[in-house]
């Protein structure tokens, strides 16, 4: 009797020689996977931009930029000012105790002035002023002929401005000095006719205001208004011949001129350094 162990040996050897299906299937699966990786690339999650779809940035305009607005001209203030004024002078006659015959016929006339100023700052200037006025004189007494009247002021002037820059230049001013107002007429005398001058003089105050307009960097033009008051305590009556024959007359006898109003146009020249 053959032992069972010996009978199992041929069966084990035959089984070892047979091909196993699982190994063949695994090898075949590996070959298929390698072939698929080699022939089919993995698709990207997005496509590259080819100039289609979303538009790129807008092209800049080639049109030229608009020209800048012209700058407003600068009208600077300068350190020296020379002011010429020309206009109308209107005198005032103060009546005396008995009458105002000395100046009742005096009316408006021409006024002319010159002012030189040093502008210390853009807001303040000071200097000197000379004003001369000639008035019409038509006395009520027909015996008085060749009648004239006039006024003069000379003094220091301070002026305050309200604009540091710009085209317009408003201002106020005050002057302190001396003034004189007087009349002149021919009168009948025992020897014929003689000319007499009657003048009242004294300390004076001048106040005014104005508005200048810059025509250029060195020239201004504008209207002005001023009042000059002369404090007269007596009238000096002299012969017009210049002989020195004079006498003092009270202001109560026939009245006297004591002030005048000026309405003028100012022409101002600016010089010196800019402020």
C-alpha atoms as a PDB file:
ATOM      1  CA  UNK A   1       0.000   0.000   0.000  1.00  0.00           C
ATOM      2  CA  UNK A   2       1.353   3.397  -1.127  1.00  0.00           C
ATOM      3  CA  UNK A   3       1.427   6.016   1.572  1.00  0.00           C
ATOM      4  CA  UNK A   4      -0.904   9.084   1.155  1.00  0.00           C
ATOM      5  CA  UNK A   5       1.972  11.490   1.330  1.00  0.00           C
ATOM      6  CA  UNK A   6       3.564  10.131  -1.751  1.00  0.00           C
ATOM      7  CA  UNK A   7       0.279  10.336  -3.604  1.00  0.00           C
ATOM      8  CA  UNK A   8      -0.046  14.128  -2.862  1.00  0.00           C
ATOM      9  CA  UNK A   9       3.358  15.074  -4.315  1.00  0.00           C
ATOM     10  CA  UNK A  10       2.438  14.657  -8.038  1.00  0.00           C
ATOM     11  CA  UNK A  11      -0.721  16.721  -7.514  1.00  0.00           C
ATOM     12  CA  UNK A  12       1.195  19.622  -5.876  1.00  0.00           C
ATOM     13  CA  UNK A  13       3.745  19.618  -8.698  1.00  0.00           C
ATOM     14  CA  UNK A  14       1.001  19.841 -11.342  1.00  0.00           C
ATOM     15  CA  UNK A  15      -0.665  22.715  -9.572  1.00  0.00           C
ATOM     16  CA  UNK A  16       2.620  24.621  -9.438  1.00  0.00           C
ATOM     17  CA  UNK A  17       3.059  24.300 -13.180  1.00  0.00           C
ATOM     18  CA  UNK A  18      -0.394  25.725 -13.989  1.00  0.00           C
ATOM     19  CA  UNK A  19      -0.628  29.592 -14.722  1.00  0.00           C
ATOM     20  CA  UNK A  20      -2.627  31.530 -12.144  1.00  0.00           C
ATOM     21  CA  UNK A  21      -5.374  33.811 -13.608  1.00  0.00           C
ATOM     22  CA  UNK A  22      -4.995  36.530 -11.006  1.00  0.00           C
ATOM     23  CA  UNK A  23      -1.360  37.291 -11.982  1.00  0.00           C
ATOM     24  CA  UNK A  24      -2.236  37.553 -15.675  1.00  0.00           C
ATOM     25  CA  UNK A  25      -5.118  39.831 -14.958  1.00  0.00           C
ATOM     26  CA  UNK A  26      -2.953  42.160 -12.813  1.00  0.00           C
ATOM     27  CA  UNK A  27      -0.283  42.356 -15.520  1.00  0.00           C
ATOM     28  CA  UNK A  28      -2.884  43.093 -18.159  1.00  0.00           C
ATOM     29  CA  UNK A  29      -4.401  45.858 -15.988  1.00  0.00           C
ATOM     30  CA  UNK A  30      -0.965  47.436 -15.546  1.00  0.00           C
ATOM     31  CA  UNK A  31      -0.374  47.399 -19.315  1.00  0.00           C
ATOM     32  CA  UNK A  32      -3.757  49.048 -20.012  1.00  0.00           C
ATOM     33  CA  UNK A  33      -3.147  51.741 -17.382  1.00  0.00           C
ATOM     34  CA  UNK A  34       0.317  52.563 -18.800  1.00  0.00           C
ATOM     35  CA  UNK A  35      -1.076  52.786 -22.328  1.00  0.00           C
ATOM     36  CA  UNK A  36      -3.877  55.112 -21.256  1.00  0.00           C
ATOM     37  CA  UNK A  37      -1.425  57.455 -19.478  1.00  0.00           C
ATOM     38  CA  UNK A  38       0.828  57.549 -22.525  1.00  0.00           C
ATOM     39  CA  UNK A  39      -1.892  58.273 -25.112  1.00  0.00           C
ATOM     40  CA  UNK A  40      -4.428  60.466 -23.246  1.00  0.00           C
ATOM     41  CA  UNK A  41      -2.987  63.608 -21.486  1.00  0.00           C
ATOM     42  CA  UNK A  42      -4.826  65.002 -18.498  1.00  0.00           C
ATOM     43  CA  UNK A  43      -7.032  67.987 -19.421  1.00  0.00           C
ATOM     44  CA  UNK A  44      -6.256  71.364 -17.704  1.00  0.00           C
ATOM     45  CA  UNK A  45      -9.046  72.890 -15.558  1.00  0.00           C
ATOM     46  CA  UNK A  46      -8.994  76.072 -17.752  1.00  0.00           C
ATOM     47  CA  UNK A  47      -8.206  76.961 -21.326  1.00  0.00           C
ATOM     48  CA  UNK A  48      -5.416  79.457 -22.246  1.00  0.00           C
ATOM     49  CA  UNK A  49      -6.536  82.986 -23.314  1.00  0.00           C
ATOM     50  CA  UNK A  50      -6.536  83.295 -27.104  1.00  0.00           C
ATOM     51  CA  UNK A  51      -7.726  86.902 -27.469  1.00  0.00           C
ATOM     52  CA  UNK A  52     -11.400  86.028 -27.413  1.00  0.00           C
ATOM     53  CA  UNK A  53     -14.076  86.353 -24.763  1.00  0.00           C
ATOM     54  CA  UNK A  54     -13.368  89.005 -22.121  1.00  0.00           C
ATOM     55  CA  UNK A  55     -12.100  92.220 -23.740  1.00  0.00           C
ATOM     56  CA  UNK A  56      -8.750  93.689 -22.773  1.00  0.00           C
ATOM     57  CA  UNK A  57      -8.214  97.233 -21.407  1.00  0.00           C
ATOM     58  CA  UNK A  58      -9.689 100.088 -23.445  1.00  0.00           C
ATOM     59  CA  UNK A  59      -7.281 102.001 -25.626  1.00  0.00           C
ATOM     60  CA  UNK A  60      -6.382 105.506 -24.424  1.00  0.00           C
ATOM     61  CA  UNK A  61      -7.748 108.460 -26.383  1.00  0.00           C
ATOM     62  CA  UNK A  62      -5.308 110.193 -28.690  1.00  0.00           C
ATOM     63  CA  UNK A  63      -7.230 113.511 -28.523  1.00  0.00           C
ATOM     64  CA  UNK A  64      -5.157 116.417 -27.029  1.00  0.00           C
ATOM     65  CA  UNK A  65      -5.984 117.729 -23.551  1.00  0.00           C
ATOM     66  CA  UNK A  66      -7.865 121.092 -23.428  1.00  0.00           C
ATOM     67  CA  UNK A  67      -5.689 124.163 -22.996  1.00  0.00           C
ATOM     68  CA  UNK A  68      -5.491 125.522 -19.412  1.00  0.00           C
ATOM     69  CA  UNK A  69      -7.550 128.577 -18.552  1.00  0.00           C
ATOM     70  CA  UNK A  70      -5.621 131.870 -18.725  1.00  0.00           C
ATOM     71  CA  UNK A  71      -4.417 133.033 -15.333  1.00  0.00           C
ATOM     72  CA  UNK A  72      -5.827 136.210 -13.844  1.00  0.00           C
ATOM     73  CA  UNK A  73      -3.180 138.977 -14.046  1.00  0.00           C
ATOM     74  CA  UNK A  74      -1.583 139.939 -10.745  1.00  0.00           C
ATOM     75  CA  UNK A  75      -1.842 143.606  -9.814  1.00  0.00           C
ATOM     76  CA  UNK A  76       0.809 144.064  -7.179  1.00  0.00           C
ATOM     77  CA  UNK A  77       1.115 147.075  -4.903  1.00  0.00           C
ATOM     78  CA  UNK A  78       4.237 149.229  -5.149  1.00  0.00           C
ATOM     79  CA  UNK A  79       6.058 151.359  -2.610  1.00  0.00           C
ATOM     80  CA  UNK A  80       5.737 154.789  -4.301  1.00  0.00           C
ATOM     81  CA  UNK A  81       2.555 156.384  -5.655  1.00  0.00           C
ATOM     82  CA  UNK A  82       2.057 159.682  -7.470  1.00  0.00           C
ATOM     83  CA  UNK A  83      -1.597 160.770  -7.679  1.00  0.00           C
ATOM     84  CA  UNK A  84      -2.974 163.453 -10.005  1.00  0.00           C
ATOM     85  CA  UNK A  85      -6.595 164.504  -9.500  1.00  0.00           C
ATOM     86  CA  UNK A  86      -8.853 166.705 -11.573  1.00  0.00           C
ATOM     87  CA  UNK A  87     -12.503 167.498 -11.015  1.00  0.00           C
ATOM     88  CA  UNK A  88     -15.140 169.769  -9.556  1.00  0.00           C
ATOM     89  CA  UNK A  89     -14.844 171.935  -6.441  1.00  0.00           C
ATOM     90  CA  UNK A  90     -17.942 173.163  -4.584  1.00  0.00           C
ATOM     91  CA  UNK A  91     -17.316 175.849  -1.914  1.00  0.00           C
ATOM     92  CA  UNK A  92     -19.376 176.611   1.167  1.00  0.00           C
ATOM     93  CA  UNK A  93     -20.115 180.160   2.349  1.00  0.00           C
ATOM     94  CA  UNK A  94     -20.576 180.704   6.085  1.00  0.00           C
ATOM     95  CA  UNK A  95     -22.828 183.711   6.673  1.00  0.00           C
ATOM     96  CA  UNK A  96     -21.791 186.470   9.066  1.00  0.00           C
ATOM     97  CA  UNK A  97     -23.918 188.201  11.683  1.00  0.00           C
ATOM     98  CA  UNK A  98     -25.138 190.835   9.262  1.00  0.00           C
ATOM     99  CA  UNK A  99     -24.915 189.160   5.823  1.00  0.00           C
ATOM    100  CA  UNK A 100     -23.050 186.774   3.542  1.00  0.00           C
ATOM    101  CA  UNK A 101     -22.339 189.352   0.846  1.00  0.00           C
ATOM    102  CA  UNK A 102     -18.626 188.517   0.733  1.00  0.00           C
ATOM    103  CA  UNK A 103     -19.186 184.974  -0.631  1.00  0.00           C
ATOM    104  CA  UNK A 104     -22.877 184.582  -1.517  1.00  0.00           C
ATOM    105  CA  UNK A 105     -22.096 184.650  -5.234  1.00  0.00           C
ATOM    106  CA  UNK A 106     -19.325 182.053  -5.107  1.00  0.00           C
ATOM    107  CA  UNK A 107     -20.126 178.836  -6.997  1.00  0.00           C
ATOM    108  CA  UNK A 108     -18.467 175.668  -8.230  1.00  0.00           C
ATOM    109  CA  UNK A 109     -15.268 175.567 -10.208  1.00  0.00           C
ATOM    110  CA  UNK A 110     -12.285 173.509 -11.275  1.00  0.00           C
ATOM    111  CA  UNK A 111     -10.152 171.565  -8.779  1.00  0.00           C
ATOM    112  CA  UNK A 112      -6.629 170.262  -9.362  1.00  0.00           C
ATOM    113  CA  UNK A 113      -4.377 168.312  -6.995  1.00  0.00           C
ATOM    114  CA  UNK A 114      -1.140 166.395  -6.581  1.00  0.00           C
ATOM    115  CA  UNK A 115      -0.397 163.766  -3.910  1.00  0.00           C
ATOM    116  CA  UNK A 116       2.850 161.854  -3.366  1.00  0.00           C
ATOM    117  CA  UNK A 117       2.639 158.753  -1.161  1.00  0.00           C
ATOM    118  CA  UNK A 118       5.067 156.239   0.276  1.00  0.00           C
ATOM    119  CA  UNK A 119       3.240 152.941   0.690  1.00  0.00           C
ATOM    120  CA  UNK A 120       4.717 151.465   3.846  1.00  0.00           C
ATOM    121  CA  UNK A 121       2.609 148.285   3.686  1.00  0.00           C
ATOM    122  CA  UNK A 122      -0.034 147.038   1.225  1.00  0.00           C
ATOM    123  CA  UNK A 123      -2.663 148.503   3.591  1.00  0.00           C
ATOM    124  CA  UNK A 124      -1.185 151.903   4.548  1.00  0.00           C
ATOM    125  CA  UNK A 125       0.572 154.862   2.904  1.00  0.00           C
ATOM    126  CA  UNK A 126       1.465 158.387   3.923  1.00  0.00           C
ATOM    127  CA  UNK A 127       2.830 161.473   2.174  1.00  0.00           C
ATOM    128  CA  UNK A 128       1.924 165.008   1.162  1.00  0.00           C
ATOM    129  CA  UNK A 129      -0.945 166.670  -0.721  1.00  0.00           C
ATOM    130  CA  UNK A 130      -1.341 169.965  -2.567  1.00  0.00           C
ATOM    131  CA  UNK A 131      -4.835 170.963  -3.721  1.00  0.00           C
ATOM    132  CA  UNK A 132      -5.781 174.113  -5.647  1.00  0.00           C
ATOM    133  CA  UNK A 133      -9.303 175.137  -6.679  1.00  0.00           C
ATOM    134  CA  UNK A 134     -10.720 178.066  -8.624  1.00  0.00           C
ATOM    135  CA  UNK A 135     -14.372 179.054  -8.115  1.00  0.00           C
ATOM    136  CA  UNK A 136     -16.879 181.120 -10.029  1.00  0.00           C
ATOM    137  CA  UNK A 137     -17.804 184.383  -8.265  1.00  0.00           C
ATOM    138  CA  UNK A 138     -20.841 186.473  -9.198  1.00  0.00           C
ATOM    139  CA  UNK A 139     -21.482 189.038  -6.406  1.00  0.00           C
ATOM    140  CA  UNK A 140     -24.990 190.327  -5.814  1.00  0.00           C
ATOM    141  CA  UNK A 141     -23.691 193.903  -5.792  1.00  0.00           C
ATOM    142  CA  UNK A 142     -23.393 195.054  -9.430  1.00  0.00           C
ATOM    143  CA  UNK A 143     -20.678 197.550  -8.438  1.00  0.00           C
ATOM    144  CA  UNK A 144     -18.287 194.659  -7.827  1.00  0.00           C
ATOM    145  CA  UNK A 145     -16.677 193.493 -11.063  1.00  0.00           C
ATOM    146  CA  UNK A 146     -13.968 191.078 -12.195  1.00  0.00           C
ATOM    147  CA  UNK A 147     -14.788 188.849  -9.232  1.00  0.00           C
ATOM    148  CA  UNK A 148     -13.043 185.535  -8.621  1.00  0.00           C
ATOM    149  CA  UNK A 149     -12.596 183.053  -5.761  1.00  0.00           C
ATOM    150  CA  UNK A 150     -10.317 180.167  -4.908  1.00  0.00           C
ATOM    151  CA  UNK A 151      -8.896 177.806  -2.301  1.00  0.00           C
ATOM    152  CA  UNK A 152      -5.651 176.011  -1.518  1.00  0.00           C
ATOM    153  CA  UNK A 153      -4.688 173.171   0.837  1.00  0.00           C
ATOM    154  CA  UNK A 154      -1.222 171.896   1.739  1.00  0.00           C
ATOM    155  CA  UNK A 155      -0.646 169.153   4.296  1.00  0.00           C
ATOM    156  CA  UNK A 156       0.320 165.629   5.274  1.00  0.00           C
ATOM    157  CA  UNK A 157      -1.910 162.773   4.139  1.00  0.00           C
ATOM    158  CA  UNK A 158      -2.426 159.270   5.486  1.00  0.00           C
ATOM    159  CA  UNK A 159      -4.270 156.689   3.421  1.00  0.00           C
ATOM    160  CA  UNK A 160      -5.708 153.282   4.394  1.00  0.00           C
ATOM    161  CA  UNK A 161      -6.396 150.651   1.716  1.00  0.00           C
ATOM    162  CA  UNK A 162      -8.796 147.718   1.957  1.00  0.00           C
ATOM    163  CA  UNK A 163      -7.393 145.278  -0.633  1.00  0.00           C
ATOM    164  CA  UNK A 164      -3.923 143.769  -0.548  1.00  0.00           C
ATOM    165  CA  UNK A 165      -4.307 142.389  -4.078  1.00  0.00           C
ATOM    166  CA  UNK A 166      -6.710 142.381  -6.989  1.00  0.00           C
ATOM    167  CA  UNK A 167      -7.853 144.856  -9.590  1.00  0.00           C
ATOM    168  CA  UNK A 168      -9.922 147.110  -7.288  1.00  0.00           C
ATOM    169  CA  UNK A 169      -8.337 149.456  -4.733  1.00  0.00           C
ATOM    170  CA  UNK A 170     -10.808 151.112  -2.296  1.00  0.00           C
ATOM    171  CA  UNK A 171      -9.346 153.530   0.235  1.00  0.00           C
ATOM    172  CA  UNK A 172     -10.007 156.279   2.771  1.00  0.00           C
ATOM    173  CA  UNK A 173      -7.645 159.132   3.600  1.00  0.00           C
ATOM    174  CA  UNK A 174      -7.118 161.923   6.105  1.00  0.00           C
ATOM    175  CA  UNK A 175      -5.028 165.059   5.690  1.00  0.00           C
ATOM    176  CA  UNK A 176      -3.814 167.603   8.254  1.00  0.00           C
ATOM    177  CA  UNK A 177      -2.234 170.906   7.306  1.00  0.00           C
ATOM    178  CA  UNK A 178      -3.086 174.460   6.405  1.00  0.00           C
ATOM    179  CA  UNK A 179      -5.577 175.979   4.012  1.00  0.00           C
ATOM    180  CA  UNK A 180      -6.837 179.261   2.659  1.00  0.00           C
ATOM    181  CA  UNK A 181     -10.007 180.415   0.894  1.00  0.00           C
ATOM    182  CA  UNK A 182     -10.559 183.839  -0.559  1.00  0.00           C
ATOM    183  CA  UNK A 183     -12.300 186.151  -2.981  1.00  0.00           C
ATOM    184  CA  UNK A 184     -11.070 188.893  -5.287  1.00  0.00           C
ATOM    185  CA  UNK A 185     -13.066 191.709  -6.902  1.00  0.00           C
ATOM    186  CA  UNK A 186     -12.760 195.262  -8.236  1.00  0.00           C
ATOM    187  CA  UNK A 187     -14.518 197.893  -6.120  1.00  0.00           C
ATOM    188  CA  UNK A 188     -15.310 201.578  -6.711  1.00  0.00           C
ATOM    189  CA  UNK A 189     -13.064 204.007  -4.791  1.00  0.00           C
ATOM    190  CA  UNK A 190     -12.796 207.823  -4.611  1.00  0.00           C
ATOM    191  CA  UNK A 191      -9.877 207.584  -7.048  1.00  0.00           C
ATOM    192  CA  UNK A 192     -11.681 205.283  -9.446  1.00  0.00           C
ATOM    193  CA  UNK A 193     -11.647 201.520  -9.048  1.00  0.00           C
ATOM    194  CA  UNK A 194      -9.294 199.229  -7.138  1.00  0.00           C
ATOM    195  CA  UNK A 195      -8.957 195.490  -6.771  1.00  0.00           C
ATOM    196  CA  UNK A 196      -9.231 193.942  -3.318  1.00  0.00           C
ATOM    197  CA  UNK A 197      -8.425 190.459  -2.100  1.00  0.00           C
ATOM    198  CA  UNK A 198     -10.080 189.003   0.997  1.00  0.00           C
ATOM    199  CA  UNK A 199      -8.532 185.794   2.292  1.00  0.00           C
ATOM    200  CA  UNK A 200      -9.265 183.574   5.268  1.00  0.00           C
ATOM    201  CA  UNK A 201      -6.490 181.175   6.296  1.00  0.00           C
ATOM    202  CA  UNK A 202      -5.900 178.736   9.137  1.00  0.00           C
ATOM    203  CA  UNK A 203      -5.359 175.096  10.079  1.00  0.00           C
ATOM    204  CA  UNK A 204      -7.236 172.652   7.878  1.00  0.00           C
ATOM    205  CA  UNK A 205      -8.484 169.080   7.870  1.00  0.00           C
ATOM    206  CA  UNK A 206      -9.140 167.097   4.721  1.00  0.00           C
ATOM    207  CA  UNK A 207     -11.026 163.763   4.635  1.00  0.00           C
ATOM    208  CA  UNK A 208     -11.777 161.660   1.591  1.00  0.00           C
ATOM    209  CA  UNK A 209     -12.510 158.269   0.070  1.00  0.00           C
ATOM    210  CA  UNK A 210     -12.122 156.708  -3.332  1.00  0.00           C
ATOM    211  CA  UNK A 211     -12.044 153.589  -5.472  1.00  0.00           C
ATOM    212  CA  UNK A 212      -9.209 152.977  -7.923  1.00  0.00           C
ATOM    213  CA  UNK A 213      -9.231 150.499 -10.796  1.00  0.00           C
ATOM    214  CA  UNK A 214      -5.956 148.966 -12.009  1.00  0.00           C
ATOM    215  CA  UNK A 215      -5.424 149.585 -15.714  1.00  0.00           C
ATOM    216  CA  UNK A 216      -1.993 147.948 -15.597  1.00  0.00           C
ATOM    217  CA  UNK A 217       0.705 146.993 -13.100  1.00  0.00           C
ATOM    218  CA  UNK A 218       1.787 150.632 -12.774  1.00  0.00           C
ATOM    219  CA  UNK A 219      -1.343 152.682 -13.534  1.00  0.00           C
ATOM    220  CA  UNK A 220      -4.682 153.143 -11.725  1.00  0.00           C
ATOM    221  CA  UNK A 221      -7.754 155.251 -12.423  1.00  0.00           C
ATOM    222  CA  UNK A 222     -10.824 155.947 -10.308  1.00  0.00           C
ATOM    223  CA  UNK A 223     -13.216 158.442  -8.690  1.00  0.00           C
ATOM    224  CA  UNK A 224     -12.696 160.136  -5.327  1.00  0.00           C
ATOM    225  CA  UNK A 225     -14.660 162.381  -2.980  1.00  0.00           C
ATOM    226  CA  UNK A 226     -13.180 164.684  -0.329  1.00  0.00           C
ATOM    227  CA  UNK A 227     -14.093 167.558   1.993  1.00  0.00           C
ATOM    228  CA  UNK A 228     -11.647 170.218   3.181  1.00  0.00           C
ATOM    229  CA  UNK A 229     -12.441 172.340   6.233  1.00  0.00           C
ATOM    230  CA  UNK A 230     -10.409 175.456   7.032  1.00  0.00           C
ATOM    231  CA  UNK A 231     -10.721 176.968  10.500  1.00  0.00           C
ATOM    232  CA  UNK A 232     -10.795 180.717   9.812  1.00  0.00           C
ATOM    233  CA  UNK A 233     -10.838 183.249  12.636  1.00  0.00           C
ATOM    234  CA  UNK A 234     -10.361 186.445  10.596  1.00  0.00           C
ATOM    235  CA  UNK A 235     -10.294 187.784   7.058  1.00  0.00           C
ATOM    236  CA  UNK A 236      -7.227 189.527   5.647  1.00  0.00           C
ATOM    237  CA  UNK A 237      -8.267 192.318   3.266  1.00  0.00           C
ATOM    238  CA  UNK A 238      -5.503 193.644   1.009  1.00  0.00           C
ATOM    239  CA  UNK A 239      -5.188 195.753  -2.123  1.00  0.00           C
ATOM    240  CA  UNK A 240      -4.586 193.594  -5.175  1.00  0.00           C
ATOM    241  CA  UNK A 241      -1.804 195.925  -6.347  1.00  0.00           C
ATOM    242  CA  UNK A 242       0.654 194.278  -3.954  1.00  0.00           C
ATOM    243  CA  UNK A 243       1.394 197.530  -2.145  1.00  0.00           C
ATOM    244  CA  UNK A 244       1.077 195.817   1.230  1.00  0.00           C
ATOM    245  CA  UNK A 245      -1.962 197.818   2.315  1.00  0.00           C
ATOM    246  CA  UNK A 246      -3.877 195.245   4.392  1.00  0.00           C
ATOM    247  CA  UNK A 247      -6.274 195.162   7.281  1.00  0.00           C
ATOM    248  CA  UNK A 248      -7.940 192.425   9.296  1.00  0.00           C
ATOM    249  CA  UNK A 249     -11.711 192.089   9.070  1.00  0.00           C
ATOM    250  CA  UNK A 250     -13.993 190.020  11.303  1.00  0.00           C
ATOM    251  CA  UNK A 251     -15.603 186.979   9.740  1.00  0.00           C
ATOM    252  CA  UNK A 252     -18.939 188.249  11.067  1.00  0.00           C
ATOM    253  CA  UNK A 253     -18.869 191.132   8.575  1.00  0.00           C
ATOM    254  CA  UNK A 254     -20.185 189.779   5.313  1.00  0.00           C
ATOM    255  CA  UNK A 255     -19.471 186.093   5.967  1.00  0.00           C
ATOM    256  CA  UNK A 256     -16.573 184.006   4.620  1.00  0.00           C
ATOM    257  CA  UNK A 257     -15.662 180.796   2.802  1.00  0.00           C
ATOM    258  CA  UNK A 258     -14.828 178.021   5.268  1.00  0.00           C
ATOM    259  CA  UNK A 259     -14.829 174.703   3.337  1.00  0.00           C
ATOM    260  CA  UNK A 260     -15.216 173.047  -0.039  1.00  0.00           C
ATOM    261  CA  UNK A 261     -16.199 169.678  -1.484  1.00  0.00           C
ATOM    262  CA  UNK A 262     -14.230 167.954  -4.251  1.00  0.00           C
ATOM    263  CA  UNK A 263     -15.496 165.361  -6.728  1.00  0.00           C
ATOM    264  CA  UNK A 264     -12.515 164.291  -8.809  1.00  0.00           C
ATOM    265  CA  UNK A 265     -10.967 161.576 -10.885  1.00  0.00           C
ATOM    266  CA  UNK A 266      -7.641 160.153  -9.690  1.00  0.00           C
ATOM    267  CA  UNK A 267      -4.859 159.031 -12.006  1.00  0.00           C
ATOM    268  CA  UNK A 268      -2.243 157.120  -9.991  1.00  0.00           C
ATOM    269  CA  UNK A 269       1.248 156.142 -11.131  1.00  0.00           C
ATOM    270  CA  UNK A 270       2.964 153.330  -9.185  1.00  0.00           C
ATOM    271  CA  UNK A 271       6.741 153.050  -8.855  1.00  0.00           C
ATOM    272  CA  UNK A 272       9.325 151.298  -6.737  1.00  0.00           C
ATOM    273  CA  UNK A 273       9.540 147.809  -5.326  1.00  0.00           C
ATOM    274  CA  UNK A 274       6.599 145.431  -5.117  1.00  0.00           C
ATOM    275  CA  UNK A 275       5.016 144.871  -1.702  1.00  0.00           C
END
